[in-house]
PDB file of N, CA and C in Angstrom:
ATOM      1  N   MET A   1       0.791  -1.164  -0.010  1.00  0.00           N
ATOM      2  CA  MET A   1       0.002   0.002   0.007  1.00  0.00           C
ATOM      3  C   MET A   1       0.867   1.229   0.024  1.00  0.00           C
ATOM      4  N   ALA A   2       1.911   1.247   0.809  1.00  0.00           N
ATOM      5  CA  ALA A   2       2.772   2.447   0.856  1.00  0.00           C
ATOM      6  C   ALA A   2       3.385   2.738  -0.484  1.00  0.00           C
ATOM      7  N   HIS A   3       3.736   1.651  -1.228  1.00  0.00           N
ATOM      8  CA  HIS A   3       4.348   1.815  -2.539  1.00  0.00           C
ATOM      9  C   HIS A   3       3.405   2.516  -3.505  1.00  0.00           C
ATOM     10  N   SER A   4       2.126   2.102  -3.528  1.00  0.00           N
ATOM     11  CA  SER A   4       1.150   2.738  -4.433  1.00  0.00           C
ATOM     12  C   SER A   4       0.874   4.204  -4.065  1.00  0.00           C
ATOM     13  N   ALA A   5       0.890   4.541  -2.728  1.00  0.00           N
ATOM     14  CA  ALA A   5       0.724   5.933  -2.341  1.00  0.00           C
ATOM     15  C   ALA A   5       1.897   6.764  -2.786  1.00  0.00           C
ATOM     16  N   ALA A   6       3.112   6.197  -2.680  1.00  0.00           N
ATOM     17  CA  ALA A   6       4.309   6.921  -3.132  1.00  0.00           C
ATOM     18  C   ALA A   6       4.259   7.140  -4.652  1.00  0.00           C
ATOM     19  N   THR A   7       3.836   6.120  -5.366  1.00  0.00           N
ATOM     20  CA  THR A   7       3.707   6.236  -6.832  1.00  0.00           C
ATOM     21  C   THR A   7       2.680   7.324  -7.223  1.00  0.00           C
ATOM     22  N   ALA A   8       1.549   7.333  -6.523  1.00  0.00           N
ATOM     23  CA  ALA A   8       0.525   8.341  -6.791  1.00  0.00           C
ATOM     24  C   ALA A   8       1.048   9.745  -6.481  1.00  0.00           C
ATOM     25  N   THR A   9       1.779   9.887  -5.393  1.00  0.00           N
ATOM     26  CA  THR A   9       2.371  11.196  -5.040  1.00  0.00           C
ATOM     27  C   THR A   9       3.391  11.638  -6.075  1.00  0.00           C
ATOM     28  N   ALA A  10       4.199  10.734  -6.557  1.00  0.00           N
ATOM     29  CA  ALA A  10       5.182  11.059  -7.604  1.00  0.00           C
ATOM     30  C   ALA A  10       4.484  11.477  -8.900  1.00  0.00           C
ATOM     31  N   ALA A  11       3.394  10.798  -9.243  1.00  0.00           N
ATOM     32  CA  ALA A  11       2.659  11.079 -10.463  1.00  0.00           C
ATOM     33  C   ALA A  11       2.034  12.529 -10.303  1.00  0.00           C
ATOM     34  N   ALA A  12       1.492  12.796  -9.163  1.00  0.00           N
ATOM     35  CA  ALA A  12       0.867  14.084  -8.930  1.00  0.00           C
ATOM     36  C   ALA A  12       1.904  15.203  -9.005  1.00  0.00           C
ATOM     37  N   ALA A  13       3.085  14.977  -8.456  1.00  0.00           N
ATOM     38  CA  ALA A  13       4.151  15.977  -8.522  1.00  0.00           C
ATOM     39  C   ALA A  13       4.605  16.197  -9.964  1.00  0.00           C
ATOM     40  N   ALA A  14       4.696  15.163 -10.758  1.00  0.00           N
ATOM     41  CA  ALA A  14       5.114  15.280 -12.136  1.00  0.00           C
ATOM     42  C   ALA A  14       4.049  16.062 -12.912  1.00  0.00           C
ATOM     43  N   ALA A  15       2.780  15.811 -12.655  1.00  0.00           N
ATOM     44  CA  ALA A  15       1.688  16.509 -13.310  1.00  0.00           C
ATOM     45  C   ALA A  15       1.720  18.007 -12.960  1.00  0.00           C
ATOM     46  N   ALA A  16       2.003  18.267 -11.720  1.00  0.00           N
ATOM     47  CA  ALA A  16       2.012  19.658 -11.256  1.00  0.00           C
ATOM     48  C   ALA A  16       3.212  20.428 -11.897  1.00  0.00           C
ATOM     49  N   ALA A  17       4.329  19.721 -12.139  1.00  0.00           N
ATOM     50  CA  ALA A  17       5.507  20.392 -12.683  1.00  0.00           C
ATOM     51  C   ALA A  17       5.318  20.708 -14.176  1.00  0.00           C
ATOM     52  N   ALA A  18       4.486  19.958 -14.886  1.00  0.00           N
ATOM     53  CA  ALA A  18       4.256  20.237 -16.289  1.00  0.00           C
ATOM     54  C   ALA A  18       3.319  21.385 -16.506  1.00  0.00           C
ATOM     55  N   PRO A  19       3.568  22.200 -17.532  1.00  0.00           N
ATOM     56  CA  PRO A  19       2.609  23.300 -17.769  1.00  0.00           C
ATOM     57  C   PRO A  19       1.239  22.728 -18.082  1.00  0.00           C
ATOM     58  N   PRO A  20       0.146  23.480 -17.770  1.00  0.00           N
ATOM     59  CA  PRO A  20      -1.158  23.003 -18.040  1.00  0.00           C
ATOM     60  C   PRO A  20      -1.340  22.694 -19.543  1.00  0.00           C
ATOM     61  N   GLY A  21      -1.905  21.531 -19.856  1.00  0.00           N
ATOM     62  CA  GLY A  21      -2.142  21.182 -21.199  1.00  0.00           C
ATOM     63  C   GLY A  21      -0.890  20.764 -22.010  1.00  0.00           C
ATOM     64  N   ALA A  22       0.183  20.461 -21.291  1.00  0.00           N
ATOM     65  CA  ALA A  22       1.443  20.128 -21.919  1.00  0.00           C
ATOM     66  C   ALA A  22       1.285  18.944 -22.855  1.00  0.00           C
ATOM     67  N   LEU A  23       2.068  18.907 -23.916  1.00  0.00           N
ATOM     68  CA  LEU A  23       1.984  17.777 -24.883  1.00  0.00           C
ATOM     69  C   LEU A  23       2.502  16.532 -24.148  1.00  0.00           C
ATOM     70  N   GLU A  24       1.807  15.478 -24.344  1.00  0.00           N
ATOM     71  CA  GLU A  24       2.242  14.241 -23.700  1.00  0.00           C
ATOM     72  C   GLU A  24       3.438  13.649 -24.474  1.00  0.00           C
ATOM     73  N   GLN A  25       4.348  13.069 -23.735  1.00  0.00           N
ATOM     74  CA  GLN A  25       5.521  12.429 -24.373  1.00  0.00           C
ATOM     75  C   GLN A  25       5.033  11.338 -25.296  1.00  0.00           C
ATOM     76  N   GLY A  26       5.562  11.298 -26.481  1.00  0.00           N
ATOM     77  CA  GLY A  26       5.259  10.261 -27.435  1.00  0.00           C
ATOM     78  C   GLY A  26       3.961  10.496 -28.198  1.00  0.00           C
ATOM     79  N   CYS A  27       3.223  11.531 -27.858  1.00  0.00           N
ATOM     80  CA  CYS A  27       1.979  11.855 -28.533  1.00  0.00           C
ATOM     81  C   CYS A  27       2.315  12.602 -29.808  1.00  0.00           C
ATOM     82  N   PRO A  28       1.816  12.093 -30.982  1.00  0.00           N
ATOM     83  CA  PRO A  28       2.181  12.731 -32.250  1.00  0.00           C
ATOM     84  C   PRO A  28       1.477  14.142 -32.351  1.00  0.00           C
ATOM     85  N   ILE A  29       2.210  15.020 -33.003  1.00  0.00           N
ATOM     86  CA  ILE A  29       1.670  16.383 -33.217  1.00  0.00           C
ATOM     87  C   ILE A  29       0.864  16.299 -34.521  1.00  0.00           C
ATOM     88  N   ARG A  30      -0.411  16.704 -34.421  1.00  0.00           N
ATOM     89  CA  ARG A  30      -1.268  16.721 -35.595  1.00  0.00           C
ATOM     90  C   ARG A  30      -1.592  18.137 -36.019  1.00  0.00           C
ATOM     91  N   VAL A  31      -1.285  18.469 -37.284  1.00  0.00           N
ATOM     92  CA  VAL A  31      -1.489  19.795 -37.803  1.00  0.00           C
ATOM     93  C   VAL A  31      -2.809  19.737 -38.573  1.00  0.00           C
ATOM     94  N   GLU A  32      -3.676  20.717 -38.256  1.00  0.00           N
ATOM     95  CA  GLU A  32      -4.965  20.838 -38.939  1.00  0.00           C
ATOM     96  C   GLU A  32      -4.861  22.044 -39.876  1.00  0.00           C
ATOM     97  N   HIS A  33      -5.502  21.955 -41.036  1.00  0.00           N
ATOM     98  CA  HIS A  33      -5.501  23.047 -42.027  1.00  0.00           C
ATOM     99  C   HIS A  33      -6.925  23.574 -42.160  1.00  0.00           C
ATOM    100  N   ASP A  34      -7.131  24.829 -41.919  1.00  0.00           N
ATOM    101  CA  ASP A  34      -8.403  25.500 -42.132  1.00  0.00           C
ATOM    102  C   ASP A  34      -8.271  26.432 -43.283  1.00  0.00           C
ATOM    103  N   ARG A  35      -8.768  26.032 -44.414  1.00  0.00           N
ATOM    104  CA  ARG A  35      -8.647  26.830 -45.650  1.00  0.00           C
ATOM    105  C   ARG A  35      -9.457  28.115 -45.565  1.00  0.00           C
ATOM    106  N   GLN A  36     -10.599  28.113 -44.910  1.00  0.00           N
ATOM    107  CA  GLN A  36     -11.424  29.293 -44.787  1.00  0.00           C
ATOM    108  C   GLN A  36     -10.695  30.350 -43.992  1.00  0.00           C
ATOM    109  N   ARG A  37     -10.166  29.963 -42.870  1.00  0.00           N
ATOM    110  CA  ARG A  37      -9.442  30.931 -42.000  1.00  0.00           C
ATOM    111  C   ARG A  37      -8.001  31.147 -42.471  1.00  0.00           C
ATOM    112  N   ARG A  38      -7.557  30.344 -43.393  1.00  0.00           N
ATOM    113  CA  ARG A  38      -6.198  30.463 -43.922  1.00  0.00           C
ATOM    114  C   ARG A  38      -5.166  30.335 -42.798  1.00  0.00           C
ATOM    115  N   GLN A  39      -5.266  29.153 -42.161  1.00  0.00           N
ATOM    116  CA  GLN A  39      -4.303  28.908 -41.068  1.00  0.00           C
ATOM    117  C   GLN A  39      -4.089  27.425 -40.862  1.00  0.00           C
ATOM    118  N   PHE A  40      -2.916  27.104 -40.370  1.00  0.00           N
ATOM    119  CA  PHE A  40      -2.579  25.762 -39.915  1.00  0.00           C
ATOM    120  C   PHE A  40      -2.521  25.826 -38.405  1.00  0.00           C
ATOM    121  N   THR A  41      -3.076  24.807 -37.744  1.00  0.00           N
ATOM    122  CA  THR A  41      -3.205  24.826 -36.297  1.00  0.00           C
ATOM    123  C   THR A  41      -2.774  23.525 -35.643  1.00  0.00           C
ATOM    124  N   VAL A  42      -2.148  23.614 -34.498  1.00  0.00           N
ATOM    125  CA  VAL A  42      -1.877  22.453 -33.661  1.00  0.00           C
ATOM    126  C   VAL A  42      -2.576  22.706 -32.342  1.00  0.00           C
ATOM    127  N   ARG A  43      -3.528  21.833 -31.978  1.00  0.00           N
ATOM    128  CA  ARG A  43      -4.183  21.900 -30.703  1.00  0.00           C
ATOM    129  C   ARG A  43      -3.244  21.273 -29.673  1.00  0.00           C
ATOM    130  N   LEU A  44      -3.091  21.951 -28.548  1.00  0.00           N
ATOM    131  CA  LEU A  44      -2.104  21.530 -27.598  1.00  0.00           C
ATOM    132  C   LEU A  44      -2.751  20.717 -26.483  1.00  0.00           C
ATOM    133  N   ASN A  45      -2.814  19.430 -26.749  1.00  0.00           N
ATOM    134  CA  ASN A  45      -3.269  18.422 -25.783  1.00  0.00           C
ATOM    135  C   ASN A  45      -4.679  18.652 -25.318  1.00  0.00           C
ATOM    136  N   GLY A  46      -5.584  18.973 -26.277  1.00  0.00           N
ATOM    137  CA  GLY A  46      -7.004  19.202 -25.949  1.00  0.00           C
ATOM    138  C   GLY A  46      -7.282  20.472 -25.195  1.00  0.00           C
ATOM    139  N   CYS A  47      -6.270  21.215 -24.937  1.00  0.00           N
ATOM    140  CA  CYS A  47      -6.411  22.469 -24.190  1.00  0.00           C
ATOM    141  C   CYS A  47      -6.900  23.587 -25.151  1.00  0.00           C
ATOM    142  N   HIS A  48      -7.270  24.659 -24.583  1.00  0.00           N
ATOM    143  CA  HIS A  48      -7.711  25.826 -25.476  1.00  0.00           C
ATOM    144  C   HIS A  48      -6.479  26.480 -26.119  1.00  0.00           C
ATOM    145  N   ASP A  49      -5.270  26.201 -25.656  1.00  0.00           N
ATOM    146  CA  ASP A  49      -4.089  26.751 -26.278  1.00  0.00           C
ATOM    147  C   ASP A  49      -3.899  26.116 -27.662  1.00  0.00           C
ATOM    148  N   ARG A  50      -3.436  26.908 -28.575  1.00  0.00           N
ATOM    149  CA  ARG A  50      -3.186  26.477 -29.932  1.00  0.00           C
ATOM    150  C   ARG A  50      -1.905  27.117 -30.456  1.00  0.00           C
ATOM    151  N   ALA A  51      -1.216  26.435 -31.294  1.00  0.00           N
ATOM    152  CA  ALA A  51      -0.137  27.012 -32.061  1.00  0.00           C
ATOM    153  C   ALA A  51      -0.694  27.219 -33.463  1.00  0.00           C
ATOM    154  N   VAL A  52      -0.276  28.303 -34.088  1.00  0.00           N
ATOM    155  CA  VAL A  52      -0.925  28.670 -35.378  1.00  0.00           C
ATOM    156  C   VAL A  52       0.077  29.187 -36.374  1.00  0.00           C
ATOM    157  N   LEU A  53      -0.137  28.949 -37.629  1.00  0.00           N
ATOM    158  CA  LEU A  53       0.605  29.535 -38.713  1.00  0.00           C
ATOM    159  C   LEU A  53      -0.442  30.190 -39.656  1.00  0.00           C
ATOM    160  N   LEU A  54      -0.301  31.467 -39.878  1.00  0.00           N
ATOM    161  CA  LEU A  54      -1.273  32.203 -40.679  1.00  0.00           C
ATOM    162  C   LEU A  54      -0.689  32.477 -42.057  1.00  0.00           C
ATOM    163  N   TYR A  55      -1.552  32.422 -43.088  1.00  0.00           N
ATOM    164  CA  TYR A  55      -1.147  32.753 -44.422  1.00  0.00           C
ATOM    165  C   TYR A  55      -2.255  33.518 -45.130  1.00  0.00           C
ATOM    166  N   GLU A  56      -1.930  34.153 -46.213  1.00  0.00           N
ATOM    167  CA  GLU A  56      -2.864  34.945 -47.017  1.00  0.00           C
ATOM    168  C   GLU A  56      -2.541  34.820 -48.465  1.00  0.00           C
ATOM    169  N   TYR A  57      -3.537  34.778 -49.303  1.00  0.00           N
ATOM    170  CA  TYR A  57      -3.280  34.785 -50.781  1.00  0.00           C
ATOM    171  C   TYR A  57      -2.997  36.236 -51.141  1.00  0.00           C
ATOM    172  N   VAL A  58      -1.873  36.431 -51.849  1.00  0.00           N
ATOM    173  CA  VAL A  58      -1.494  37.784 -52.298  1.00  0.00           C
ATOM    174  C   VAL A  58      -1.472  37.881 -53.780  1.00  0.00           C
ATOM    175  N   GLY A  59      -1.886  36.810 -54.438  1.00  0.00           N
ATOM    176  CA  GLY A  59      -1.984  36.770 -55.912  1.00  0.00           C
ATOM    177  C   GLY A  59      -2.815  35.521 -56.255  1.00  0.00           C
ATOM    178  N   LYS A  60      -3.047  35.288 -57.497  1.00  0.00           N
ATOM    179  CA  LYS A  60      -3.880  34.167 -57.893  1.00  0.00           C
ATOM    180  C   LYS A  60      -3.326  32.847 -57.410  1.00  0.00           C
ATOM    181  N   ARG A  61      -2.036  32.625 -57.502  1.00  0.00           N
ATOM    182  CA  ARG A  61      -1.396  31.376 -57.121  1.00  0.00           C
ATOM    183  C   ARG A  61      -0.223  31.624 -56.170  1.00  0.00           C
ATOM    184  N   ILE A  62      -0.303  32.740 -55.419  1.00  0.00           N
ATOM    185  CA  ILE A  62       0.815  33.143 -54.489  1.00  0.00           C
ATOM    186  C   ILE A  62       0.260  33.286 -53.103  1.00  0.00           C
ATOM    187  N   VAL A  63       0.893  32.624 -52.138  1.00  0.00           N
ATOM    188  CA  VAL A  63       0.533  32.783 -50.721  1.00  0.00           C
ATOM    189  C   VAL A  63       1.696  33.432 -49.986  1.00  0.00           C
ATOM    190  N   ASP A  64       1.320  34.211 -49.012  1.00  0.00           N
ATOM    191  CA  ASP A  64       2.311  34.827 -48.104  1.00  0.00           C
ATOM    192  C   ASP A  64       2.188  34.079 -46.781  1.00  0.00           C
ATOM    193  N   LEU A  65       3.212  33.360 -46.406  1.00  0.00           N
ATOM    194  CA  LEU A  65       3.268  32.660 -45.103  1.00  0.00           C
ATOM    195  C   LEU A  65       3.709  33.722 -44.116  1.00  0.00           C
ATOM    196  N   GLN A  66       2.725  34.240 -43.378  1.00  0.00           N
ATOM    197  CA  GLN A  66       2.937  35.487 -42.639  1.00  0.00           C
ATOM    198  C   GLN A  66       3.438  35.376 -41.213  1.00  0.00           C
ATOM    199  N   HIS A  67       2.906  34.441 -40.460  1.00  0.00           N
ATOM    200  CA  HIS A  67       3.184  34.469 -39.021  1.00  0.00           C
ATOM    201  C   HIS A  67       3.025  33.122 -38.417  1.00  0.00           C
ATOM    202  N   THR A  68       3.924  32.739 -37.553  1.00  0.00           N
ATOM    203  CA  THR A  68       3.818  31.500 -36.771  1.00  0.00           C
ATOM    204  C   THR A  68       3.863  31.896 -35.312  1.00  0.00           C
ATOM    205  N   GLU A  69       2.948  31.289 -34.556  1.00  0.00           N
ATOM    206  CA  GLU A  69       2.886  31.628 -33.117  1.00  0.00           C
ATOM    207  C   GLU A  69       2.646  30.375 -32.283  1.00  0.00           C
ATOM    208  N   VAL A  70       3.531  30.177 -31.301  1.00  0.00           N
ATOM    209  CA  VAL A  70       3.452  29.048 -30.426  1.00  0.00           C
ATOM    210  C   VAL A  70       3.442  29.661 -29.004  1.00  0.00           C
ATOM    211  N   PRO A  71       2.455  29.298 -28.150  1.00  0.00           N
ATOM    212  CA  PRO A  71       2.448  29.781 -26.783  1.00  0.00           C
ATOM    213  C   PRO A  71       3.761  29.521 -26.072  1.00  0.00           C
ATOM    214  N   ASP A  72       4.136  30.478 -25.225  1.00  0.00           N
ATOM    215  CA  ASP A  72       5.418  30.355 -24.526  1.00  0.00           C
ATOM    216  C   ASP A  72       5.633  29.044 -23.823  1.00  0.00           C
ATOM    217  N   ALA A  73       4.641  28.504 -23.213  1.00  0.00           N
ATOM    218  CA  ALA A  73       4.765  27.231 -22.471  1.00  0.00           C
ATOM    219  C   ALA A  73       5.104  26.063 -23.352  1.00  0.00           C
ATOM    220  N   TYR A  74       4.943  26.195 -24.656  1.00  0.00           N
ATOM    221  CA  TYR A  74       5.124  25.078 -25.591  1.00  0.00           C
ATOM    222  C   TYR A  74       6.293  25.287 -26.540  1.00  0.00           C
ATOM    223  N   ARG A  75       7.000  26.357 -26.402  1.00  0.00           N
ATOM    224  CA  ARG A  75       8.134  26.621 -27.295  1.00  0.00           C
ATOM    225  C   ARG A  75       9.281  25.681 -27.072  1.00  0.00           C
ATOM    226  N   GLY A  76      10.004  25.411 -28.112  1.00  0.00           N
ATOM    227  CA  GLY A  76      11.178  24.551 -28.003  1.00  0.00           C
ATOM    228  C   GLY A  76      10.838  23.066 -28.107  1.00  0.00           C
ATOM    229  N   ARG A  77       9.622  22.740 -28.510  1.00  0.00           N
ATOM    230  CA  ARG A  77       9.228  21.348 -28.628  1.00  0.00           C
ATOM    231  C   ARG A  77       9.003  20.903 -30.029  1.00  0.00           C
ATOM    232  N   GLY A  78       9.345  21.743 -30.998  1.00  0.00           N
ATOM    233  CA  GLY A  78       9.227  21.362 -32.399  1.00  0.00           C
ATOM    234  C   GLY A  78       7.901  21.579 -33.045  1.00  0.00           C
ATOM    235  N   ILE A  79       7.060  22.278 -32.357  1.00  0.00           N
ATOM    236  CA  ILE A  79       5.686  22.532 -32.870  1.00  0.00           C
ATOM    237  C   ILE A  79       5.710  23.424 -34.092  1.00  0.00           C
ATOM    238  N   ALA A  80       6.454  24.508 -34.046  1.00  0.00           N
ATOM    239  CA  ALA A  80       6.526  25.445 -35.185  1.00  0.00           C
ATOM    240  C   ALA A  80       7.103  24.713 -36.409  1.00  0.00           C
ATOM    241  N   LYS A  81       8.025  23.780 -36.184  1.00  0.00           N
ATOM    242  CA  LYS A  81       8.597  23.013 -37.295  1.00  0.00           C
ATOM    243  C   LYS A  81       7.515  22.232 -38.023  1.00  0.00           C
ATOM    244  N   HIS A  82       6.622  21.587 -37.258  1.00  0.00           N
ATOM    245  CA  HIS A  82       5.505  20.886 -37.877  1.00  0.00           C
ATOM    246  C   HIS A  82       4.553  21.831 -38.636  1.00  0.00           C
ATOM    247  N   LEU A  83       4.303  22.980 -38.145  1.00  0.00           N
ATOM    248  CA  LEU A  83       3.483  23.956 -38.846  1.00  0.00           C
ATOM    249  C   LEU A  83       4.143  24.405 -40.129  1.00  0.00           C
ATOM    250  N   ALA A  84       5.432  24.710 -40.059  1.00  0.00           N
ATOM    251  CA  ALA A  84       6.133  25.170 -41.267  1.00  0.00           C
ATOM    252  C   ALA A  84       6.145  24.096 -42.355  1.00  0.00           C
ATOM    253  N   LYS A  85       6.402  22.850 -41.961  1.00  0.00           N
ATOM    254  CA  LYS A  85       6.445  21.743 -42.949  1.00  0.00           C
ATOM    255  C   LYS A  85       5.064  21.604 -43.534  1.00  0.00           C
ATOM    256  N   ALA A  86       4.016  21.598 -42.765  1.00  0.00           N
ATOM    257  CA  ALA A  86       2.673  21.461 -43.318  1.00  0.00           C
ATOM    258  C   ALA A  86       2.332  22.571 -44.284  1.00  0.00           C
ATOM    259  N   ALA A  87       2.700  23.793 -43.939  1.00  0.00           N
ATOM    260  CA  ALA A  87       2.414  24.935 -44.811  1.00  0.00           C
ATOM    261  C   ALA A  87       3.208  24.795 -46.152  1.00  0.00           C
ATOM    262  N   LEU A  88       4.464  24.449 -46.098  1.00  0.00           N
ATOM    263  CA  LEU A  88       5.280  24.336 -47.272  1.00  0.00           C
ATOM    264  C   LEU A  88       4.835  23.141 -48.130  1.00  0.00           C
ATOM    265  N   ASP A  89       4.413  22.071 -47.491  1.00  0.00           N
ATOM    266  CA  ASP A  89       3.894  20.913 -48.211  1.00  0.00           C
ATOM    267  C   ASP A  89       2.615  21.291 -48.940  1.00  0.00           C
ATOM    268  N   PHE A  90       1.798  22.105 -48.303  1.00  0.00           N
ATOM    269  CA  PHE A  90       0.549  22.626 -48.925  1.00  0.00           C
ATOM    270  C   PHE A  90       0.921  23.430 -50.164  1.00  0.00           C
ATOM    271  N   VAL A  91       1.905  24.285 -50.074  1.00  0.00           N
ATOM    272  CA  VAL A  91       2.312  25.106 -51.227  1.00  0.00           C
ATOM    273  C   VAL A  91       2.768  24.179 -52.401  1.00  0.00           C
ATOM    274  N   VAL A  92       3.532  23.129 -52.071  1.00  0.00           N
ATOM    275  CA  VAL A  92       3.985  22.197 -53.093  1.00  0.00           C
ATOM    276  C   VAL A  92       2.777  21.424 -53.694  1.00  0.00           C
ATOM    277  N   GLU A  93       1.946  20.893 -52.861  1.00  0.00           N
ATOM    278  CA  GLU A  93       0.765  20.076 -53.308  1.00  0.00           C
ATOM    279  C   GLU A  93      -0.196  20.875 -54.171  1.00  0.00           C
ATOM    280  N   GLU A  94      -0.379  22.126 -53.845  1.00  0.00           N
ATOM    281  CA  GLU A  94      -1.300  22.990 -54.573  1.00  0.00           C
ATOM    282  C   GLU A  94      -0.633  23.690 -55.732  1.00  0.00           C
ATOM    283  N   ASN A  95       0.636  23.458 -55.942  1.00  0.00           N
ATOM    284  CA  ASN A  95       1.393  24.094 -57.006  1.00  0.00           C
ATOM    285  C   ASN A  95       1.329  25.622 -56.932  1.00  0.00           C
ATOM    286  N   LEU A  96       1.600  26.144 -55.734  1.00  0.00           N
ATOM    287  CA  LEU A  96       1.566  27.581 -55.473  1.00  0.00           C
ATOM    288  C   LEU A  96       2.995  28.096 -55.407  1.00  0.00           C
ATOM    289  N   LYS A  97       3.082  29.409 -55.361  1.00  0.00           N
ATOM    290  CA  LYS A  97       4.329  30.093 -55.058  1.00  0.00           C
ATOM    291  C   LYS A  97       4.150  30.661 -53.646  1.00  0.00           C
ATOM    292  N   ALA A  98       5.255  30.816 -52.917  1.00  0.00           N
ATOM    293  CA  ALA A  98       5.168  31.304 -51.554  1.00  0.00           C
ATOM    294  C   ALA A  98       6.122  32.474 -51.297  1.00  0.00           C
ATOM    295  N   HIS A  99       5.615  33.490 -50.665  1.00  0.00           N
ATOM    296  CA  HIS A  99       6.393  34.586 -50.146  1.00  0.00           C
ATOM    297  C   HIS A  99       6.534  34.322 -48.617  1.00  0.00           C
ATOM    298  N   LEU A 100       7.703  34.399 -48.086  1.00  0.00           N
ATOM    299  CA  LEU A 100       7.953  34.070 -46.720  1.00  0.00           C
ATOM    300  C   LEU A 100       8.136  35.321 -45.845  1.00  0.00           C
ATOM    301  N   THR A 101       7.093  35.838 -45.291  1.00  0.00           N
ATOM    302  CA  THR A 101       7.181  36.996 -44.351  1.00  0.00           C
ATOM    303  C   THR A 101       7.660  36.547 -43.032  1.00  0.00           C
ATOM    304  N   CYS A 102       7.208  35.366 -42.620  1.00  0.00           N
ATOM    305  CA  CYS A 102       7.482  34.869 -41.244  1.00  0.00           C
ATOM    306  C   CYS A 102       8.984  34.489 -41.131  1.00  0.00           C
ATOM    307  N   TRP A 103       9.654  35.042 -40.130  1.00  0.00           N
ATOM    308  CA  TRP A 103      11.098  34.724 -39.943  1.00  0.00           C
ATOM    309  C   TRP A 103      11.291  33.249 -39.624  1.00  0.00           C
ATOM    310  N   TYR A 104      10.365  32.634 -38.949  1.00  0.00           N
ATOM    311  CA  TYR A 104      10.604  31.215 -38.560  1.00  0.00           C
ATOM    312  C   TYR A 104      10.553  30.342 -39.837  1.00  0.00           C
ATOM    313  N   ILE A 105       9.630  30.600 -40.732  1.00  0.00           N
ATOM    314  CA  ILE A 105       9.559  29.819 -41.962  1.00  0.00           C
ATOM    315  C   ILE A 105      10.767  30.086 -42.813  1.00  0.00           C
ATOM    316  N   GLN A 106      11.288  31.271 -42.836  1.00  0.00           N
ATOM    317  CA  GLN A 106      12.564  31.558 -43.547  1.00  0.00           C
ATOM    318  C   GLN A 106      13.678  30.703 -42.969  1.00  0.00           C
ATOM    319  N   LYS A 107      13.725  30.616 -41.648  1.00  0.00           N
ATOM    320  CA  LYS A 107      14.721  29.799 -40.957  1.00  0.00           C
ATOM    321  C   LYS A 107      14.545  28.317 -41.295  1.00  0.00           C
ATOM    322  N   TYR A 108      13.278  27.839 -41.285  1.00  0.00           N
ATOM    323  CA  TYR A 108      12.984  26.438 -41.570  1.00  0.00           C
ATOM    324  C   TYR A 108      13.454  26.084 -43.002  1.00  0.00           C
ATOM    325  N   VAL A 109      13.222  26.944 -43.965  1.00  0.00           N
ATOM    326  CA  VAL A 109      13.625  26.661 -45.350  1.00  0.00           C
ATOM    327  C   VAL A 109      15.139  26.647 -45.457  1.00  0.00           C
ATOM    328  N   LYS A 110      15.809  27.543 -44.748  1.00  0.00           N
ATOM    329  CA  LYS A 110      17.273  27.605 -44.737  1.00  0.00           C
ATOM    330  C   LYS A 110      17.849  26.287 -44.158  1.00  0.00           C
ATOM    331  N   GLU A 111      17.188  25.769 -43.111  1.00  0.00           N
ATOM    332  CA  GLU A 111      17.664  24.535 -42.479  1.00  0.00           C
ATOM    333  C   GLU A 111      17.201  23.254 -43.236  1.00  0.00           C
ATOM    334  N   ASN A 112      16.170  23.397 -44.075  1.00  0.00           N
ATOM    335  CA  ASN A 112      15.613  22.300 -44.854  1.00  0.00           C
ATOM    336  C   ASN A 112      15.482  22.709 -46.326  1.00  0.00           C
ATOM    337  N   PRO A 113      16.595  22.961 -47.022  1.00  0.00           N
ATOM    338  CA  PRO A 113      16.542  23.499 -48.345  1.00  0.00           C
ATOM    339  C   PRO A 113      16.150  22.454 -49.421  1.00  0.00           C
ATOM    340  N   LEU A 114      14.989  21.894 -49.231  1.00  0.00           N
ATOM    341  CA  LEU A 114      14.507  20.900 -50.197  1.00  0.00           C
ATOM    342  C   LEU A 114      14.183  21.560 -51.538  1.00  0.00           C
ATOM    343  N   PRO A 115      14.529  20.904 -52.637  1.00  0.00           N
ATOM    344  CA  PRO A 115      14.288  21.511 -53.971  1.00  0.00           C
ATOM    345  C   PRO A 115      12.822  21.870 -54.187  1.00  0.00           C
ATOM    346  N   GLN A 116      11.921  21.023 -53.734  1.00  0.00           N
ATOM    347  CA  GLN A 116      10.468  21.317 -53.940  1.00  0.00           C
ATOM    348  C   GLN A 116      10.019  22.553 -53.205  1.00  0.00           C
ATOM    349  N   TYR A 117      10.719  22.907 -52.082  1.00  0.00           N
ATOM    350  CA  TYR A 117      10.392  24.199 -51.421  1.00  0.00           C
ATOM    351  C   TYR A 117      11.061  25.364 -52.130  1.00  0.00           C
ATOM    352  N   LEU A 118      12.396  25.229 -52.413  1.00  0.00           N
ATOM    353  CA  LEU A 118      13.122  26.329 -52.982  1.00  0.00           C
ATOM    354  C   LEU A 118      12.549  26.770 -54.320  1.00  0.00           C
ATOM    355  N   GLU A 119      12.093  25.859 -55.172  1.00  0.00           N
ATOM    356  CA  GLU A 119      11.579  26.291 -56.458  1.00  0.00           C
ATOM    357  C   GLU A 119      10.231  26.967 -56.367  1.00  0.00           C
ATOM    358  N   ARG A 120       9.652  26.985 -55.207  1.00  0.00           N
ATOM    359  CA  ARG A 120       8.323  27.657 -55.061  1.00  0.00           C
ATOM    360  C   ARG A 120       8.415  29.016 -54.356  1.00  0.00           C
ATOM    361  N   LEU A 121       9.622  29.390 -53.991  1.00  0.00           N
ATOM    362  CA  LEU A 121       9.744  30.644 -53.242  1.00  0.00           C
ATOM    363  C   LEU A 121       9.668  31.813 -54.178  1.00  0.00           C
ATOM    364  N   GLN A 122       8.959  32.859 -53.697  1.00  0.00           N
ATOM    365  CA  GLN A 122       8.780  34.098 -54.385  1.00  0.00           C
ATOM    366  C   GLN A 122       9.655  35.139 -53.686  1.00  0.00           C
ATOM    367  N   PRO A 123      10.385  35.957 -54.432  1.00  0.00           N
ATOM    368  CA  PRO A 123      11.234  36.907 -53.800  1.00  0.00           C
ATOM    369  C   PRO A 123      10.453  37.957 -53.019  1.00  0.00           C
TER     370      PRO A 123
END
């Protein structure tokens, strides 16, 4: 009995140390695309917190990847990387051109200079 009480106390302490709604270890990050709102979103463990990447059409076949935002409590966990990849894959799949206003997406492309991304970049 004492062992199970100690285990429960340790689990409660670990839960208290994690930020509310923290991503669970080993839980895959799922990016959702809302074409109407022109955004890519990651829901953060069922919480009301969300990470988002916003884009806008600036021409018939040109999108401006404008802004990526991840709440402070979730930064450094690779969430923005998933958003950037999803947005750039969308550009490739839809045969669009992309203007990169967002500094993070500029950084992502620099670190992942895939030909399918580079050929779609608009100055």
